Amino acid sequence: MTYPAFLLLPILLALAAPASAEELANQLFGAKRAASSQQPEPIGSYAKGCGAGMIQLPETGPTWQAMRLSRNRNWGQPELVEYLVDLSRKAQSVGWAGLYVGDMSQPRGGPMTSGHASHQIGLDADVWMLPPERLDLSVSDREKISSISVRTDDQTRINGNWTAAHG
């Protein structure tokens, strides 16, 4: 059975639109270098949303370092930033120097150009399980090192990287 082109074209365009819209959203949100000047507010859900009025976790603090700065993903809602700063201080009580903080959110949240489906509203973050040897890494060094996995390949148990200091 054949269908006239005028019937197939709208269907094909409709099927292609979500992928194009998602790609466009990734690029638009990824291009923003600063937060919006609005009251802080998460909008939507962790994997389908954005964030108003986000604040930046400073690149380096007394007990943390933000990693992979080239991604510009060290932004979050004020509650998240406050939580991470507090958690990094508490990490010292188990003998860690502090924490390496990986991806949080982009300045205005939204879908990222690569990687995560979540992290869109500024309320979740990647806290590296790699105990920091030092908290004065250069920007270049922060791009080169990676976190460690503390789970087995089948993700059912912890592996040998887990230590008593992890909890």
N, C-alpha and C. Protein backbone atom coordinates (compact mmCIF):
# COMPACT_ATOMS: atom_id res chain seq x y z
N MET A 1 0.85 -1.17 0.00
CA MET A 1 0.00 0.00 0.00
C MET A 1 0.89 1.24 0.00
N THR A 2 0.60 2.17 -0.82
CA THR A 2 1.36 3.42 -0.88
C THR A 2 0.51 4.55 -0.34
N TYR A 3 1.20 5.51 0.24
CA TYR A 3 0.52 6.67 0.81
C TYR A 3 0.98 7.91 0.07
N PRO A 4 0.09 8.84 -0.13
CA PRO A 4 0.49 10.10 -0.77
C PRO A 4 1.51 10.82 0.11
N ALA A 5 2.45 11.47 -0.50
CA ALA A 5 3.51 12.18 0.22
C ALA A 5 2.96 13.22 1.18
N PHE A 6 1.86 13.86 0.83
CA PHE A 6 1.32 14.90 1.71
C PHE A 6 0.81 14.32 3.03
N LEU A 7 0.55 13.01 3.09
CA LEU A 7 0.15 12.37 4.34
C LEU A 7 1.36 11.92 5.15
N LEU A 8 2.39 11.48 4.50
CA LEU A 8 3.58 10.99 5.19
C LEU A 8 4.46 12.10 5.73
N LEU A 9 4.56 13.19 5.04
CA LEU A 9 5.45 14.27 5.44
C LEU A 9 5.13 14.79 6.84
N PRO A 10 3.89 15.12 7.18
CA PRO A 10 3.61 15.60 8.54
C PRO A 10 3.96 14.57 9.62
N ILE A 11 3.75 13.30 9.33
CA ILE A 11 4.08 12.25 10.30
C ILE A 11 5.59 12.18 10.51
N LEU A 12 6.34 12.20 9.44
CA LEU A 12 7.80 12.16 9.54
C LEU A 12 8.34 13.38 10.26
N LEU A 13 7.80 14.53 10.00
CA LEU A 13 8.24 15.75 10.68
C LEU A 13 7.91 15.69 12.17
N ALA A 14 6.76 15.18 12.51
CA ALA A 14 6.37 15.06 13.91
C ALA A 14 7.29 14.11 14.66
N LEU A 15 7.69 13.03 14.03
CA LEU A 15 8.59 12.08 14.66
C LEU A 15 9.99 12.66 14.83
N ALA A 16 10.41 13.50 13.94
CA ALA A 16 11.74 14.10 14.01
C ALA A 16 11.80 15.28 14.97
N ALA A 17 10.70 15.93 15.23
CA ALA A 17 10.69 17.16 16.03
C ALA A 17 11.22 16.99 17.44
N PRO A 18 10.83 15.95 18.21
CA PRO A 18 11.34 15.86 19.58
C PRO A 18 12.85 15.77 19.65
N ALA A 19 13.48 14.99 18.78
CA ALA A 19 14.94 14.89 18.80
C ALA A 19 15.57 16.23 18.47
N SER A 20 15.04 16.94 17.51
CA SER A 20 15.59 18.24 17.14
C SER A 20 15.38 19.25 18.26
N ALA A 21 14.21 19.22 18.88
CA ALA A 21 13.93 20.15 19.98
C ALA A 21 14.84 19.87 21.16
N GLU A 22 15.07 18.59 21.45
CA GLU A 22 15.95 18.23 22.56
C GLU A 22 17.38 18.68 22.28
N GLU A 23 17.84 18.46 21.08
CA GLU A 23 19.19 18.88 20.71
C GLU A 23 19.31 20.40 20.80
N LEU A 24 18.32 21.11 20.34
CA LEU A 24 18.32 22.56 20.42
C LEU A 24 18.36 23.02 21.87
N ALA A 25 17.56 22.39 22.73
CA ALA A 25 17.55 22.76 24.15
C ALA A 25 18.93 22.52 24.78
N ASN A 26 19.56 21.39 24.46
CA ASN A 26 20.91 21.11 24.98
C ASN A 26 21.87 22.24 24.62
N GLN A 27 21.82 22.66 23.37
CA GLN A 27 22.73 23.70 22.90
C GLN A 27 22.41 25.06 23.54
N LEU A 28 21.15 25.39 23.64
CA LEU A 28 20.76 26.68 24.22
C LEU A 28 21.14 26.77 25.69
N PHE A 29 20.81 25.75 26.47
CA PHE A 29 21.15 25.79 27.89
C PHE A 29 22.66 25.69 28.08
N GLY A 30 23.33 24.87 27.28
CA GLY A 30 24.78 24.73 27.40
C GLY A 30 25.56 25.98 27.05
N ALA A 31 24.97 26.87 26.27
CA ALA A 31 25.65 28.11 25.86
C ALA A 31 25.58 29.21 26.91
N LYS A 32 24.69 29.10 27.87
CA LYS A 32 24.56 30.15 28.89
C LYS A 32 25.73 30.08 29.85
N ARG A 33 26.40 31.20 30.06
CA ARG A 33 27.59 31.23 30.91
C ARG A 33 27.29 31.72 32.33
N ALA A 34 26.10 32.29 32.54
CA ALA A 34 25.76 32.83 33.86
C ALA A 34 24.31 32.49 34.18
N ALA A 35 24.00 32.54 35.46
CA ALA A 35 22.64 32.25 35.92
C ALA A 35 21.70 33.39 35.57
N SER A 36 20.41 33.10 35.64
CA SER A 36 19.41 34.15 35.43
C SER A 36 19.34 35.02 36.68
N SER A 37 18.88 36.24 36.53
CA SER A 37 18.79 37.16 37.67
C SER A 37 17.37 37.11 38.24
N GLN A 38 16.96 35.92 38.63
CA GLN A 38 15.65 35.70 39.21
C GLN A 38 15.80 35.12 40.61
N GLN A 39 14.70 35.05 41.32
CA GLN A 39 14.71 34.36 42.61
C GLN A 39 15.02 32.89 42.36
N PRO A 40 15.83 32.27 43.23
CA PRO A 40 16.15 30.86 43.04
C PRO A 40 14.88 30.00 43.06
N GLU A 41 14.78 29.12 42.07
CA GLU A 41 13.65 28.22 42.01
C GLU A 41 13.93 27.08 41.03
N PRO A 42 13.81 25.83 41.51
CA PRO A 42 13.88 24.71 40.57
C PRO A 42 12.57 24.64 39.80
N ILE A 43 12.66 24.39 38.51
CA ILE A 43 11.47 24.34 37.66
C ILE A 43 11.46 22.99 36.95
N GLY A 44 10.39 22.24 37.12
CA GLY A 44 10.27 20.94 36.47
C GLY A 44 10.81 19.83 37.35
N SER A 45 11.40 18.83 36.71
CA SER A 45 11.91 17.66 37.43
C SER A 45 13.41 17.50 37.15
N TYR A 46 14.03 16.60 37.87
CA TYR A 46 15.47 16.41 37.77
C TYR A 46 15.95 16.17 36.34
N ALA A 47 15.15 15.48 35.55
CA ALA A 47 15.56 15.14 34.18
C ALA A 47 14.78 15.89 33.10
N LYS A 48 13.90 16.77 33.49
CA LYS A 48 13.13 17.59 32.53
C LYS A 48 12.83 18.92 33.20
N GLY A 49 13.82 19.80 33.23
CA GLY A 49 13.58 21.07 33.90
C GLY A 49 14.69 22.07 33.67
N CYS A 50 14.68 23.09 34.49
CA CYS A 50 15.71 24.12 34.47
C CYS A 50 15.73 24.78 35.85
N GLY A 51 16.59 25.75 36.03
CA GLY A 51 16.69 26.40 37.32
C GLY A 51 16.83 27.89 37.19
N ALA A 52 16.05 28.61 37.97
CA ALA A 52 16.15 30.07 38.02
C ALA A 52 17.05 30.46 39.18
N GLY A 53 17.79 31.55 39.02
CA GLY A 53 18.56 32.15 40.10
C GLY A 53 19.59 31.25 40.76
N MET A 54 20.21 30.39 39.99
CA MET A 54 21.20 29.48 40.58
C MET A 54 22.45 30.25 41.01
N ILE A 55 23.20 29.65 41.92
CA ILE A 55 24.46 30.24 42.35
C ILE A 55 25.59 29.26 42.04
N GLN A 56 26.78 29.81 41.97
CA GLN A 56 27.94 29.00 41.60
C GLN A 56 28.66 28.53 42.85
N LEU A 57 28.98 27.24 42.89
CA LEU A 57 29.88 26.74 43.92
C LEU A 57 31.25 27.30 43.56
N PRO A 58 31.89 28.05 44.47
CA PRO A 58 33.23 28.56 44.14
C PRO A 58 34.15 27.42 43.70
N GLU A 59 35.06 27.71 42.80
CA GLU A 59 35.94 26.69 42.24
C GLU A 59 36.73 25.95 43.31
N THR A 60 37.16 26.68 44.33
CA THR A 60 37.94 26.10 45.41
C THR A 60 37.51 26.72 46.72
N GLY A 61 37.41 25.88 47.73
CA GLY A 61 37.11 26.35 49.07
C GLY A 61 38.03 25.66 50.05
N PRO A 62 37.90 25.93 51.32
CA PRO A 62 38.80 25.33 52.30
C PRO A 62 38.69 23.81 52.36
N THR A 63 37.53 23.25 51.98
CA THR A 63 37.34 21.80 52.08
C THR A 63 36.75 21.19 50.81
N TRP A 64 36.86 21.85 49.69
CA TRP A 64 36.34 21.29 48.43
C TRP A 64 37.06 21.89 47.24
N GLN A 65 36.95 21.17 46.12
CA GLN A 65 37.32 21.70 44.81
C GLN A 65 36.28 21.24 43.81
N ALA A 66 35.82 22.16 42.98
CA ALA A 66 34.94 21.82 41.87
C ALA A 66 35.81 21.28 40.74
N MET A 67 35.37 20.19 40.13
CA MET A 67 36.16 19.52 39.11
C MET A 67 35.62 19.82 37.72
N ARG A 68 36.48 19.58 36.72
CA ARG A 68 36.12 19.75 35.31
C ARG A 68 35.48 21.11 35.04
N LEU A 69 36.19 22.15 35.39
CA LEU A 69 35.66 23.51 35.30
C LEU A 69 35.30 23.91 33.87
N SER A 70 35.92 23.29 32.89
CA SER A 70 35.62 23.63 31.49
C SER A 70 34.15 23.37 31.15
N ARG A 71 33.51 22.51 31.90
CA ARG A 71 32.10 22.18 31.63
C ARG A 71 31.14 23.24 32.15
N ASN A 72 31.60 24.09 33.06
CA ASN A 72 30.75 25.13 33.68
C ASN A 72 29.51 24.50 34.32
N ARG A 73 29.74 23.43 35.07
CA ARG A 73 28.64 22.70 35.70
C ARG A 73 28.75 22.72 37.22
N ASN A 74 29.24 23.82 37.77
CA ASN A 74 29.33 23.94 39.22
C ASN A 74 28.32 24.96 39.73
N TRP A 75 27.08 24.83 39.26
CA TRP A 75 25.99 25.71 39.63
C TRP A 75 24.87 24.90 40.28
N GLY A 76 24.14 25.54 41.18
CA GLY A 76 23.02 24.86 41.80
C GLY A 76 22.12 25.83 42.54
N GLN A 77 21.05 25.29 43.05
CA GLN A 77 20.18 26.06 43.93
C GLN A 77 20.97 26.36 45.20
N PRO A 78 20.69 27.48 45.87
CA PRO A 78 21.44 27.81 47.09
C PRO A 78 21.48 26.68 48.11
N GLU A 79 20.40 25.92 48.24
CA GLU A 79 20.36 24.81 49.20
C GLU A 79 21.39 23.75 48.84
N LEU A 80 21.57 23.47 47.57
CA LEU A 80 22.54 22.47 47.15
C LEU A 80 23.96 22.95 47.44
N VAL A 81 24.26 24.17 47.10
CA VAL A 81 25.61 24.70 47.32
C VAL A 81 25.92 24.69 48.82
N GLU A 82 24.99 25.13 49.63
CA GLU A 82 25.18 25.13 51.09
C GLU A 82 25.39 23.70 51.60
N TYR A 83 24.61 22.77 51.10
CA TYR A 83 24.73 21.37 51.51
C TYR A 83 26.12 20.82 51.16
N LEU A 84 26.60 21.08 49.96
CA LEU A 84 27.90 20.56 49.54
C LEU A 84 29.04 21.15 50.36
N VAL A 85 28.97 22.44 50.66
CA VAL A 85 29.99 23.07 51.49
C VAL A 85 30.00 22.42 52.87
N ASP A 86 28.82 22.21 53.45
CA ASP A 86 28.70 21.58 54.76
C ASP A 86 29.19 20.13 54.72
N LEU A 87 28.80 19.39 53.69
CA LEU A 87 29.24 18.00 53.55
C LEU A 87 30.75 17.91 53.42
N SER A 88 31.35 18.84 52.69
CA SER A 88 32.81 18.81 52.52
C SER A 88 33.52 19.05 53.85
N ARG A 89 32.95 19.89 54.70
CA ARG A 89 33.52 20.10 56.04
C ARG A 89 33.41 18.82 56.86
N LYS A 90 32.26 18.17 56.78
CA LYS A 90 32.04 16.94 57.55
C LYS A 90 32.93 15.81 57.07
N ALA A 91 33.35 15.83 55.82
CA ALA A 91 34.25 14.78 55.30
C ALA A 91 35.57 14.77 56.06
N GLN A 92 35.95 15.90 56.61
CA GLN A 92 37.19 15.96 57.38
C GLN A 92 37.11 15.11 58.65
N SER A 93 35.91 14.93 59.17
CA SER A 93 35.76 14.16 60.41
C SER A 93 36.08 12.67 60.22
N VAL A 94 36.12 12.19 58.98
CA VAL A 94 36.50 10.80 58.72
C VAL A 94 37.91 10.72 58.13
N GLY A 95 38.63 11.83 58.17
CA GLY A 95 40.01 11.83 57.74
C GLY A 95 40.27 12.27 56.31
N TRP A 96 39.24 12.65 55.59
CA TRP A 96 39.45 13.17 54.24
C TRP A 96 39.83 14.64 54.34
N ALA A 97 40.56 15.13 53.34
CA ALA A 97 40.90 16.56 53.29
C ALA A 97 39.66 17.40 52.98
N GLY A 98 38.67 16.79 52.39
CA GLY A 98 37.45 17.47 51.95
C GLY A 98 36.86 16.65 50.82
N LEU A 99 36.28 17.32 49.83
CA LEU A 99 35.63 16.62 48.72
C LEU A 99 35.98 17.23 47.38
N TYR A 100 36.02 16.36 46.38
CA TYR A 100 36.01 16.81 45.00
C TYR A 100 34.55 16.75 44.55
N VAL A 101 34.06 17.85 44.01
CA VAL A 101 32.67 17.92 43.56
C VAL A 101 32.67 17.92 42.04
N GLY A 102 32.00 16.93 41.47
CA GLY A 102 31.89 16.82 40.02
C GLY A 102 30.73 17.65 39.50
N ASP A 103 30.06 17.13 38.50
CA ASP A 103 28.97 17.87 37.87
C ASP A 103 27.84 18.18 38.84
N MET A 104 27.40 19.42 38.78
CA MET A 104 26.18 19.85 39.46
C MET A 104 25.19 20.19 38.35
N SER A 105 25.03 21.46 38.07
CA SER A 105 24.13 21.89 37.00
C SER A 105 24.82 22.97 36.19
N GLN A 106 24.26 23.28 35.05
CA GLN A 106 24.70 24.43 34.25
C GLN A 106 24.10 25.69 34.88
N PRO A 107 24.56 26.87 34.50
CA PRO A 107 24.08 28.11 35.13
C PRO A 107 22.56 28.27 35.15
N ARG A 108 21.90 27.78 34.13
CA ARG A 108 20.43 27.88 34.10
C ARG A 108 19.77 26.51 34.07
N GLY A 109 20.56 25.50 34.44
CA GLY A 109 20.04 24.15 34.46
C GLY A 109 19.77 23.64 33.06
N GLY A 110 18.69 22.91 32.92
CA GLY A 110 18.31 22.39 31.62
C GLY A 110 19.15 21.20 31.19
N PRO A 111 18.83 20.64 30.02
CA PRO A 111 19.57 19.48 29.53
C PRO A 111 21.01 19.86 29.19
N MET A 112 21.91 18.92 29.45
CA MET A 112 23.33 19.17 29.20
C MET A 112 23.71 18.73 27.80
N THR A 113 24.81 19.30 27.33
CA THR A 113 25.28 18.96 25.98
C THR A 113 25.83 17.54 25.91
N SER A 114 26.23 16.98 27.05
CA SER A 114 26.72 15.61 27.09
C SER A 114 26.55 15.06 28.50
N GLY A 115 26.46 13.77 28.57
CA GLY A 115 26.43 13.14 29.88
C GLY A 115 25.05 12.99 30.48
N HIS A 116 24.86 13.61 31.60
CA HIS A 116 23.69 13.41 32.46
C HIS A 116 22.34 13.71 31.84
N ALA A 117 21.37 12.91 32.25
CA ALA A 117 19.97 13.24 31.96
C ALA A 117 19.42 14.07 33.12
N SER A 118 19.96 13.84 34.32
CA SER A 118 19.50 14.62 35.47
C SER A 118 20.34 15.88 35.61
N HIS A 119 20.42 16.43 36.79
CA HIS A 119 21.17 17.67 37.07
C HIS A 119 20.54 18.89 36.40
N GLN A 120 19.27 18.85 36.07
CA GLN A 120 18.67 19.94 35.30
C GLN A 120 18.09 21.06 36.15
N ILE A 121 17.76 20.80 37.43
CA ILE A 121 17.10 21.83 38.24
C ILE A 121 17.97 22.36 39.37
N GLY A 122 19.22 21.88 39.44
CA GLY A 122 20.15 22.42 40.43
C GLY A 122 20.01 21.85 41.82
N LEU A 123 19.49 20.63 41.94
CA LEU A 123 19.32 20.02 43.26
C LEU A 123 20.07 18.70 43.42
N ASP A 124 20.85 18.28 42.42
CA ASP A 124 21.64 17.06 42.57
C ASP A 124 23.05 17.31 42.06
N ALA A 125 23.98 16.52 42.59
CA ALA A 125 25.39 16.73 42.28
C ALA A 125 26.13 15.40 42.31
N ASP A 126 27.26 15.36 41.62
CA ASP A 126 28.17 14.22 41.68
C ASP A 126 29.25 14.54 42.70
N VAL A 127 29.27 13.80 43.79
CA VAL A 127 30.33 13.93 44.79
C VAL A 127 31.27 12.76 44.54
N TRP A 128 32.51 13.08 44.22
CA TRP A 128 33.47 12.04 43.87
C TRP A 128 33.81 11.19 45.09
N MET A 129 33.92 9.90 44.89
CA MET A 129 34.29 8.97 45.95
C MET A 129 35.80 8.85 46.09
N LEU A 130 36.53 9.65 45.35
CA LEU A 130 37.99 9.68 45.42
C LEU A 130 38.41 10.62 46.55
N PRO A 131 38.99 10.08 47.62
CA PRO A 131 39.43 10.98 48.70
C PRO A 131 40.52 11.93 48.19
N PRO A 132 40.33 13.23 48.36
CA PRO A 132 41.33 14.18 47.86
C PRO A 132 42.66 14.03 48.58
N GLU A 133 43.73 13.96 47.80
CA GLU A 133 45.06 14.01 48.40
C GLU A 133 45.41 15.44 48.74
N ARG A 134 44.87 16.36 47.95
CA ARG A 134 45.12 17.79 48.16
C ARG A 134 43.97 18.58 47.56
N LEU A 135 43.83 19.80 48.01
CA LEU A 135 42.74 20.67 47.54
C LEU A 135 43.27 21.93 46.88
N ASP A 136 44.42 21.78 46.22
CA ASP A 136 44.99 22.91 45.49
C ASP A 136 45.33 22.50 44.05
N LEU A 137 44.51 21.63 43.48
CA LEU A 137 44.74 21.19 42.11
C LEU A 137 44.59 22.37 41.15
N SER A 138 45.41 22.37 40.12
CA SER A 138 45.29 23.40 39.08
C SER A 138 44.05 23.12 38.24
N VAL A 139 43.64 24.10 37.47
CA VAL A 139 42.51 23.92 36.56
C VAL A 139 42.81 22.76 35.61
N SER A 140 44.02 22.68 35.12
CA SER A 140 44.42 21.61 34.21
C SER A 140 44.35 20.24 34.89
N ASP A 141 44.85 20.15 36.12
CA ASP A 141 44.80 18.88 36.85
C ASP A 141 43.37 18.41 37.06
N ARG A 142 42.46 19.34 37.27
CA ARG A 142 41.06 18.98 37.52
C ARG A 142 40.40 18.37 36.29
N GLU A 143 40.95 18.66 35.13
CA GLU A 143 40.41 18.08 33.89
C GLU A 143 40.95 16.67 33.66
N LYS A 144 42.11 16.36 34.24
CA LYS A 144 42.80 15.11 33.94
C LYS A 144 42.42 13.95 34.85
N ILE A 145 42.12 14.22 36.11
CA ILE A 145 41.83 13.10 37.01
C ILE A 145 40.35 12.76 36.96
N SER A 146 40.05 11.55 37.40
CA SER A 146 38.66 11.09 37.41
C SER A 146 38.32 10.53 38.77
N SER A 147 37.06 10.43 39.02
CA SER A 147 36.59 9.79 40.23
C SER A 147 36.85 8.29 40.14
N ILE A 148 36.52 7.59 41.18
CA ILE A 148 36.63 6.14 41.18
C ILE A 148 35.24 5.54 41.39
N SER A 149 35.06 4.34 40.92
CA SER A 149 33.82 3.62 41.19
C SER A 149 34.01 2.83 42.47
N VAL A 150 32.97 2.77 43.27
CA VAL A 150 33.02 1.97 44.50
C VAL A 150 32.05 0.79 44.42
N ARG A 151 31.59 0.46 43.19
CA ARG A 151 30.69 -0.67 43.02
C ARG A 151 31.29 -1.66 42.03
N THR A 152 30.82 -2.88 42.15
CA THR A 152 31.26 -3.92 41.22
C THR A 152 30.67 -3.64 39.84
N ASP A 153 31.24 -4.30 38.83
CA ASP A 153 30.77 -4.08 37.46
C ASP A 153 29.28 -4.37 37.30
N ASP A 154 28.77 -5.37 38.02
CA ASP A 154 27.34 -5.68 37.91
C ASP A 154 26.49 -4.79 38.82
N GLN A 155 27.15 -3.89 39.53
CA GLN A 155 26.50 -2.87 40.37
C GLN A 155 25.65 -3.45 41.50
N THR A 156 26.03 -4.62 41.98
CA THR A 156 25.27 -5.24 43.07
C THR A 156 25.98 -5.19 44.41
N ARG A 157 27.27 -4.84 44.41
CA ARG A 157 28.05 -4.81 45.65
C ARG A 157 29.09 -3.70 45.58
N ILE A 158 29.68 -3.41 46.73
CA ILE A 158 30.80 -2.47 46.74
C ILE A 158 32.06 -3.24 46.35
N ASN A 159 33.02 -2.51 45.79
CA ASN A 159 34.26 -3.15 45.37
C ASN A 159 35.40 -2.78 46.32
N GLY A 160 36.61 -3.13 45.94
CA GLY A 160 37.77 -2.89 46.78
C GLY A 160 38.14 -1.43 46.97
N ASN A 161 37.56 -0.53 46.21
CA ASN A 161 37.83 0.90 46.40
C ASN A 161 37.12 1.46 47.63
N TRP A 162 36.11 0.76 48.12
CA TRP A 162 35.35 1.22 49.29
C TRP A 162 36.21 1.03 50.53
N THR A 163 36.30 2.07 51.34
CA THR A 163 37.08 2.00 52.58
C THR A 163 36.18 2.35 53.76
N ALA A 164 36.69 2.15 54.96
CA ALA A 164 35.93 2.52 56.16
C ALA A 164 35.59 4.00 56.15
N ALA A 165 36.46 4.82 55.57
CA ALA A 165 36.22 6.27 55.53
C ALA A 165 35.05 6.64 54.62
N HIS A 166 34.68 5.75 53.69
CA HIS A 166 33.53 6.03 52.83
C HIS A 166 32.22 5.95 53.61
N GLY A 167 32.22 5.27 54.73
CA GLY A 167 30.99 5.27 55.51
C GLY A 167 30.57 3.97 56.00
